[in-house]
Amino acid sequence: LAIMGKAIDLRESAKRTESQSTSFSYAGG
């Protein structure tokens, strides 16, 4: 369960990073 939880945390973290990058790119444009 710890491995599964870590994978979920990484995926959620990647989604948040991608969302922030998209927002920054859109705001910069």
PDB file of all heavy atoms in Angstrom:
ATOM      1  N   LEU A   1       0.826  -1.209   0.000  1.00  0.00           N
ATOM      2  CA  LEU A   1       0.000   0.000   0.000  1.00  0.00           C
ATOM      3  C   LEU A   1       0.860   1.258   0.000  1.00  0.00           C
ATOM      4  O   LEU A   1       0.480   2.281  -0.577  1.00  0.00           O
ATOM      5  CB  LEU A   1      -0.917  -0.012   1.225  1.00  0.00           C
ATOM      6  CG  LEU A   1      -2.023  -1.078   1.219  1.00  0.00           C
ATOM      7  CD1 LEU A   1      -2.795  -1.043   2.522  1.00  0.00           C
ATOM      8  CD2 LEU A   1      -2.966  -0.866   0.044  1.00  0.00           C
ATOM      9  N   ALA A   2       2.015   1.180   0.648  1.00  0.00           N
ATOM     10  CA  ALA A   2       2.909   2.340   0.644  1.00  0.00           C
ATOM     11  C   ALA A   2       3.411   2.635  -0.761  1.00  0.00           C
ATOM     12  O   ALA A   2       3.510   3.797  -1.187  1.00  0.00           O
ATOM     13  CB  ALA A   2       4.076   2.088   1.597  1.00  0.00           C
ATOM     14  N   ILE A   3       3.740   1.597  -1.522  1.00  0.00           N
ATOM     15  CA  ILE A   3       4.187   1.787  -2.913  1.00  0.00           C
ATOM     16  C   ILE A   3       3.072   2.402  -3.748  1.00  0.00           C
ATOM     17  O   ILE A   3       3.303   3.335  -4.536  1.00  0.00           O
ATOM     18  CB  ILE A   3       4.639   0.439  -3.504  1.00  0.00           C
ATOM     19  CG1 ILE A   3       5.906  -0.053  -2.776  1.00  0.00           C
ATOM     20  CG2 ILE A   3       4.909   0.567  -4.995  1.00  0.00           C
ATOM     21  CD1 ILE A   3       6.327  -1.455  -3.173  1.00  0.00           C
ATOM     22  N   MET A   4       1.850   1.877  -3.562  1.00  0.00           N
ATOM     23  CA  MET A   4       0.714   2.436  -4.303  1.00  0.00           C
ATOM     24  C   MET A   4       0.475   3.888  -3.915  1.00  0.00           C
ATOM     25  O   MET A   4       0.227   4.744  -4.772  1.00  0.00           O
ATOM     26  CB  MET A   4      -0.540   1.604  -4.032  1.00  0.00           C
ATOM     27  CG  MET A   4      -0.498   0.188  -4.590  1.00  0.00           C
ATOM     28  SD  MET A   4      -1.944  -0.772  -4.118  1.00  0.00           S
ATOM     29  CE  MET A   4      -3.248   0.233  -4.837  1.00  0.00           C
ATOM     30  N   GLY A   5       0.556   4.158  -2.602  1.00  0.00           N
ATOM     31  CA  GLY A   5       0.347   5.524  -2.157  1.00  0.00           C
ATOM     32  C   GLY A   5       1.405   6.470  -2.698  1.00  0.00           C
ATOM     33  O   GLY A   5       1.116   7.601  -3.088  1.00  0.00           O
ATOM     34  N   LYS A   6       2.654   6.007  -2.754  1.00  0.00           N
ATOM     35  CA  LYS A   6       3.728   6.849  -3.292  1.00  0.00           C
ATOM     36  C   LYS A   6       3.520   7.129  -4.766  1.00  0.00           C
ATOM     37  O   LYS A   6       3.745   8.255  -5.245  1.00  0.00           O
ATOM     38  CB  LYS A   6       5.066   6.148  -3.065  1.00  0.00           C
ATOM     39  CG  LYS A   6       6.278   6.990  -3.424  1.00  0.00           C
ATOM     40  CD  LYS A   6       7.563   6.284  -3.041  1.00  0.00           C
ATOM     41  CE  LYS A   6       8.775   7.150  -3.354  1.00  0.00           C
ATOM     42  NZ  LYS A   6      10.033   6.469  -2.960  1.00  0.00           N
ATOM     43  N   ALA A   7       3.061   6.113  -5.515  1.00  0.00           N
ATOM     44  CA  ALA A   7       2.782   6.313  -6.942  1.00  0.00           C
ATOM     45  C   ALA A   7       1.665   7.315  -7.140  1.00  0.00           C
ATOM     46  O   ALA A   7       1.714   8.171  -8.041  1.00  0.00           O
ATOM     47  CB  ALA A   7       2.427   4.965  -7.580  1.00  0.00           C
ATOM     48  N   ILE A   8       0.627   7.235  -6.292  1.00  0.00           N
ATOM     49  CA  ILE A   8      -0.477   8.194  -6.407  1.00  0.00           C
ATOM     50  C   ILE A   8      -0.001   9.598  -6.086  1.00  0.00           C
ATOM     51  O   ILE A   8      -0.370  10.572  -6.762  1.00  0.00           O
ATOM     52  CB  ILE A   8      -1.625   7.774  -5.467  1.00  0.00           C
ATOM     53  CG1 ILE A   8      -2.243   6.456  -5.942  1.00  0.00           C
ATOM     54  CG2 ILE A   8      -2.693   8.854  -5.402  1.00  0.00           C
ATOM     55  CD1 ILE A   8      -3.271   5.891  -4.997  1.00  0.00           C
ATOM     56  N   ASP A   9       0.828   9.712  -5.047  1.00  0.00           N
ATOM     57  CA  ASP A   9       1.349  11.035  -4.702  1.00  0.00           C
ATOM     58  C   ASP A   9       2.185  11.617  -5.836  1.00  0.00           C
ATOM     59  O   ASP A   9       2.098  12.818  -6.142  1.00  0.00           O
ATOM     60  CB  ASP A   9       2.195  10.945  -3.428  1.00  0.00           C
ATOM     61  CG  ASP A   9       1.342  10.751  -2.186  1.00  0.00           C
ATOM     62  OD1 ASP A   9       0.147  11.111  -2.239  1.00  0.00           O
ATOM     63  OD2 ASP A   9       1.867  10.239  -1.173  1.00  0.00           O
ATOM     64  N   LEU A  10       3.037  10.780  -6.480  1.00  0.00           N
ATOM     65  CA  LEU A  10       3.846  11.253  -7.599  1.00  0.00           C
ATOM     66  C   LEU A  10       2.979  11.699  -8.759  1.00  0.00           C
ATOM     67  O   LEU A  10       3.244  12.718  -9.411  1.00  0.00           O
ATOM     68  CB  LEU A  10       4.816  10.146  -8.033  1.00  0.00           C
ATOM     69  CG  LEU A  10       5.945   9.817  -7.038  1.00  0.00           C
ATOM     70  CD1 LEU A  10       6.748   8.627  -7.538  1.00  0.00           C
ATOM     71  CD2 LEU A  10       6.849  11.034  -6.855  1.00  0.00           C
ATOM     72  N   ARG A  11       1.915  10.924  -9.022  1.00  0.00           N
ATOM     73  CA  ARG A  11       1.029  11.292 -10.125  1.00  0.00           C
ATOM     74  C   ARG A  11       0.305  12.599  -9.841  1.00  0.00           C
ATOM     75  O   ARG A  11       0.193  13.472 -10.707  1.00  0.00           O
ATOM     76  CB  ARG A  11       0.022  10.176 -10.371  1.00  0.00           C
ATOM     77  CG  ARG A  11      -0.866  10.400 -11.591  1.00  0.00           C
ATOM     78  CD  ARG A  11      -1.799   9.241 -11.809  1.00  0.00           C
ATOM     79  NE  ARG A  11      -2.725   9.118 -10.676  1.00  0.00           N
ATOM     80  CZ  ARG A  11      -3.614   8.126 -10.559  1.00  0.00           C
ATOM     81  NH1 ARG A  11      -3.664   7.161 -11.477  1.00  0.00           N
ATOM     82  NH2 ARG A  11      -4.418   8.102  -9.514  1.00  0.00           N
ATOM     83  N   GLU A  12      -0.159  12.751  -8.610  1.00  0.00           N
ATOM     84  CA  GLU A  12      -0.833  14.000  -8.260  1.00  0.00           C
ATOM     85  C   GLU A  12       0.139  15.169  -8.300  1.00  0.00           C
ATOM     86  O   GLU A  12      -0.214  16.275  -8.737  1.00  0.00           O
ATOM     87  CB  GLU A  12      -1.444  13.864  -6.854  1.00  0.00           C
ATOM     88  CG  GLU A  12      -2.574  12.865  -6.757  1.00  0.00           C
ATOM     89  CD  GLU A  12      -3.775  13.282  -7.594  1.00  0.00           C
ATOM     90  OE1 GLU A  12      -4.003  14.496  -7.728  1.00  0.00           O
ATOM     91  OE2 GLU A  12      -4.468  12.382  -8.113  1.00  0.00           O
ATOM     92  N   SER A  13       1.370  14.915  -7.871  1.00  0.00           N
ATOM     93  CA  SER A  13       2.368  15.981  -7.925  1.00  0.00           C
ATOM     94  C   SER A  13       2.676  16.379  -9.356  1.00  0.00           C
ATOM     95  O   SER A  13       2.827  17.570  -9.676  1.00  0.00           O
ATOM     96  CB  SER A  13       3.642  15.524  -7.209  1.00  0.00           C
ATOM     97  OG  SER A  13       4.649  16.505  -7.291  1.00  0.00           O
ATOM     98  N   ALA A  14       2.780  15.368 -10.268  1.00  0.00           N
ATOM     99  CA  ALA A  14       3.027  15.664 -11.676  1.00  0.00           C
ATOM    100  C   ALA A  14       1.884  16.447 -12.281  1.00  0.00           C
ATOM    101  O   ALA A  14       2.089  17.370 -13.086  1.00  0.00           O
ATOM    102  CB  ALA A  14       3.235  14.349 -12.434  1.00  0.00           C
ATOM    103  N   LYS A  15       0.661  16.104 -11.920  1.00  0.00           N
ATOM    104  CA  LYS A  15      -0.494  16.846 -12.435  1.00  0.00           C
ATOM    105  C   LYS A  15      -0.463  18.294 -11.972  1.00  0.00           C
ATOM    106  O   LYS A  15      -0.745  19.213 -12.745  1.00  0.00           O
ATOM    107  CB  LYS A  15      -1.788  16.178 -11.968  1.00  0.00           C
ATOM    108  CG  LYS A  15      -2.110  14.880 -12.684  1.00  0.00           C
ATOM    109  CD  LYS A  15      -3.454  14.340 -12.195  1.00  0.00           C
ATOM    110  CE  LYS A  15      -3.809  13.063 -12.935  1.00  0.00           C
ATOM    111  NZ  LYS A  15      -5.115  12.512 -12.466  1.00  0.00           N
ATOM    112  N   ARG A  16      -0.120  18.500 -10.696  1.00  0.00           N
ATOM    113  CA  ARG A  16      -0.070  19.875 -10.194  1.00  0.00           C
ATOM    114  C   ARG A  16       1.024  20.666 -10.897  1.00  0.00           C
ATOM    115  O   ARG A  16       0.836  21.845 -11.250  1.00  0.00           O
ATOM    116  CB  ARG A  16       0.168  19.852  -8.677  1.00  0.00           C
ATOM    117  CG  ARG A  16      -1.032  19.385  -7.864  1.00  0.00           C
ATOM    118  CD  ARG A  16      -0.848  19.704  -6.390  1.00  0.00           C
ATOM    119  NE  ARG A  16       0.284  18.978  -5.839  1.00  0.00           N
ATOM    120  CZ  ARG A  16       0.175  17.783  -5.276  1.00  0.00           C
ATOM    121  NH1 ARG A  16      -0.995  17.180  -5.203  1.00  0.00           N
ATOM    122  NH2 ARG A  16       1.239  17.178  -4.779  1.00  0.00           N
ATOM    123  N   THR A  17       2.204  20.011 -11.133  1.00  0.00           N
ATOM    124  CA  THR A  17       3.299  20.701 -11.825  1.00  0.00           C
ATOM    125  C   THR A  17       2.911  21.052 -13.241  1.00  0.00           C
ATOM    126  O   THR A  17       3.175  22.166 -13.732  1.00  0.00           O
ATOM    127  CB  THR A  17       4.554  19.809 -11.835  1.00  0.00           C
ATOM    128  OG1 THR A  17       4.907  19.483 -10.476  1.00  0.00           O
ATOM    129  CG2 THR A  17       5.709  20.519 -12.495  1.00  0.00           C
ATOM    130  N   GLU A  18       2.271  20.116 -13.939  1.00  0.00           N
ATOM    131  CA  GLU A  18       1.843  20.367 -15.318  1.00  0.00           C
ATOM    132  C   GLU A  18       0.792  21.466 -15.378  1.00  0.00           C
ATOM    133  O   GLU A  18       0.816  22.325 -16.256  1.00  0.00           O
ATOM    134  CB  GLU A  18       1.275  19.081 -15.902  1.00  0.00           C
ATOM    135  CG  GLU A  18       0.855  19.225 -17.368  1.00  0.00           C
ATOM    136  CD  GLU A  18       0.313  17.915 -17.913  1.00  0.00           C
ATOM    137  OE1 GLU A  18       0.354  16.904 -17.171  1.00  0.00           O
ATOM    138  OE2 GLU A  18      -0.144  17.908 -19.059  1.00  0.00           O
ATOM    139  N   SER A  19      -0.092  21.469 -14.395  1.00  0.00           N
ATOM    140  CA  SER A  19      -1.123  22.501 -14.367  1.00  0.00           C
ATOM    141  C   SER A  19      -0.514  23.860 -14.127  1.00  0.00           C
ATOM    142  O   SER A  19      -0.886  24.855 -14.770  1.00  0.00           O
ATOM    143  CB  SER A  19      -2.139  22.170 -13.265  1.00  0.00           C
ATOM    144  OG  SER A  19      -3.098  23.193 -13.152  1.00  0.00           O
ATOM    145  N   GLN A  20       0.481  23.927 -13.216  1.00  0.00           N
ATOM    146  CA  GLN A  20       1.142  25.208 -12.956  1.00  0.00           C
ATOM    147  C   GLN A  20       1.916  25.689 -14.181  1.00  0.00           C
ATOM    148  O   GLN A  20       1.922  26.869 -14.507  1.00  0.00           O
ATOM    149  CB  GLN A  20       2.088  25.066 -11.763  1.00  0.00           C
ATOM    150  CG  GLN A  20       1.356  24.846 -10.442  1.00  0.00           C
ATOM    151  CD  GLN A  20       2.308  24.607  -9.302  1.00  0.00           C
ATOM    152  OE1 GLN A  20       3.515  24.561  -9.515  1.00  0.00           O
ATOM    153  NE2 GLN A  20       1.768  24.432  -8.085  1.00  0.00           N
ATOM    154  N   SER A  21       2.598  24.745 -14.901  1.00  0.00           N
ATOM    155  CA  SER A  21       3.355  25.134 -16.097  1.00  0.00           C
ATOM    156  C   SER A  21       2.425  25.652 -17.177  1.00  0.00           C
ATOM    157  O   SER A  21       2.721  26.645 -17.860  1.00  0.00           O
ATOM    158  CB  SER A  21       4.135  23.923 -16.627  1.00  0.00           C
ATOM    159  OG  SER A  21       5.049  23.478 -15.646  1.00  0.00           O
ATOM    160  N   THR A  22       1.312  25.023 -17.352  1.00  0.00           N
ATOM    161  CA  THR A  22       0.346  25.466 -18.364  1.00  0.00           C
ATOM    162  C   THR A  22      -0.189  26.836 -18.024  1.00  0.00           C
ATOM    163  O   THR A  22      -0.315  27.720 -18.889  1.00  0.00           O
ATOM    164  CB  THR A  22      -0.805  24.452 -18.459  1.00  0.00           C
ATOM    165  OG1 THR A  22      -0.278  23.162 -18.747  1.00  0.00           O
ATOM    166  CG2 THR A  22      -1.803  24.867 -19.526  1.00  0.00           C
ATOM    167  N   SER A  23      -0.500  27.035 -16.743  1.00  0.00           N
ATOM    168  CA  SER A  23      -1.007  28.343 -16.321  1.00  0.00           C
ATOM    169  C   SER A  23       0.044  29.414 -16.514  1.00  0.00           C
ATOM    170  O   SER A  23      -0.253  30.534 -16.972  1.00  0.00           O
ATOM    171  CB  SER A  23      -1.428  28.286 -14.841  1.00  0.00           C
ATOM    172  OG  SER A  23      -2.440  27.320 -14.662  1.00  0.00           O
ATOM    173  N   PHE A  24       1.317  29.111 -16.231  1.00  0.00           N
ATOM    174  CA  PHE A  24       2.390  30.090 -16.395  1.00  0.00           C
ATOM    175  C   PHE A  24       2.588  30.419 -17.869  1.00  0.00           C
ATOM    176  O   PHE A  24       2.750  31.589 -18.239  1.00  0.00           O
ATOM    177  CB  PHE A  24       3.690  29.539 -15.792  1.00  0.00           C
ATOM    178  CG  PHE A  24       4.851  30.451 -15.955  1.00  0.00           C
ATOM    179  CD1 PHE A  24       5.001  31.567 -15.139  1.00  0.00           C
ATOM    180  CD2 PHE A  24       5.817  30.224 -16.942  1.00  0.00           C
ATOM    181  CE1 PHE A  24       6.077  32.424 -15.297  1.00  0.00           C
ATOM    182  CE2 PHE A  24       6.883  31.091 -17.106  1.00  0.00           C
ATOM    183  CZ  PHE A  24       7.023  32.188 -16.275  1.00  0.00           C
ATOM    184  N   SER A  25       2.554  29.382 -18.713  1.00  0.00           N
ATOM    185  CA  SER A  25       2.732  29.617 -20.149  1.00  0.00           C
ATOM    186  C   SER A  25       1.600  30.445 -20.697  1.00  0.00           C
ATOM    187  O   SER A  25       1.793  31.365 -21.508  1.00  0.00           O
ATOM    188  CB  SER A  25       2.813  28.273 -20.887  1.00  0.00           C
ATOM    189  OG  SER A  25       3.916  27.511 -20.421  1.00  0.00           O
ATOM    190  N   TYR A  26       0.376  30.148 -20.250  1.00  0.00           N
ATOM    191  CA  TYR A  26      -0.779  30.907 -20.749  1.00  0.00           C
ATOM    192  C   TYR A  26      -0.708  32.346 -20.282  1.00  0.00           C
ATOM    193  O   TYR A  26      -0.936  33.292 -21.047  1.00  0.00           O
ATOM    194  CB  TYR A  26      -2.053  30.244 -20.231  1.00  0.00           C
ATOM    195  CG  TYR A  26      -3.307  30.968 -20.635  1.00  0.00           C
ATOM    196  CD1 TYR A  26      -3.811  30.839 -21.939  1.00  0.00           C
ATOM    197  CD2 TYR A  26      -3.980  31.801 -19.736  1.00  0.00           C
ATOM    198  CE1 TYR A  26      -4.943  31.523 -22.308  1.00  0.00           C
ATOM    199  CE2 TYR A  26      -5.113  32.469 -20.103  1.00  0.00           C
ATOM    200  CZ  TYR A  26      -5.605  32.325 -21.406  1.00  0.00           C
ATOM    201  OH  TYR A  26      -6.743  32.998 -21.774  1.00  0.00           O
ATOM    202  N   ALA A  27      -0.319  32.544 -19.003  1.00  0.00           N
ATOM    203  CA  ALA A  27      -0.222  33.918 -18.481  1.00  0.00           C
ATOM    204  C   ALA A  27       0.899  34.668 -19.178  1.00  0.00           C
ATOM    205  O   ALA A  27       0.766  35.860 -19.509  1.00  0.00           O
ATOM    206  CB  ALA A  27       0.023  33.879 -16.965  1.00  0.00           C
ATOM    207  N   GLY A  28       2.043  34.011 -19.474  1.00  0.00           N
ATOM    208  CA  GLY A  28       3.148  34.673 -20.153  1.00  0.00           C
ATOM    209  C   GLY A  28       2.774  35.048 -21.588  1.00  0.00           C
ATOM    210  O   GLY A  28       3.149  36.106 -22.093  1.00  0.00           O
ATOM    211  N   GLY A  29       2.037  34.191 -22.266  1.00  0.00           N
ATOM    212  CA  GLY A  29       1.594  34.497 -23.626  1.00  0.00           C
ATOM    213  C   GLY A  29       0.664  35.681 -23.651  1.00  0.00           C
ATOM    214  O   GLY A  29       0.743  36.533 -24.551  1.00  0.00           O
TER     215      GLY A  29
END
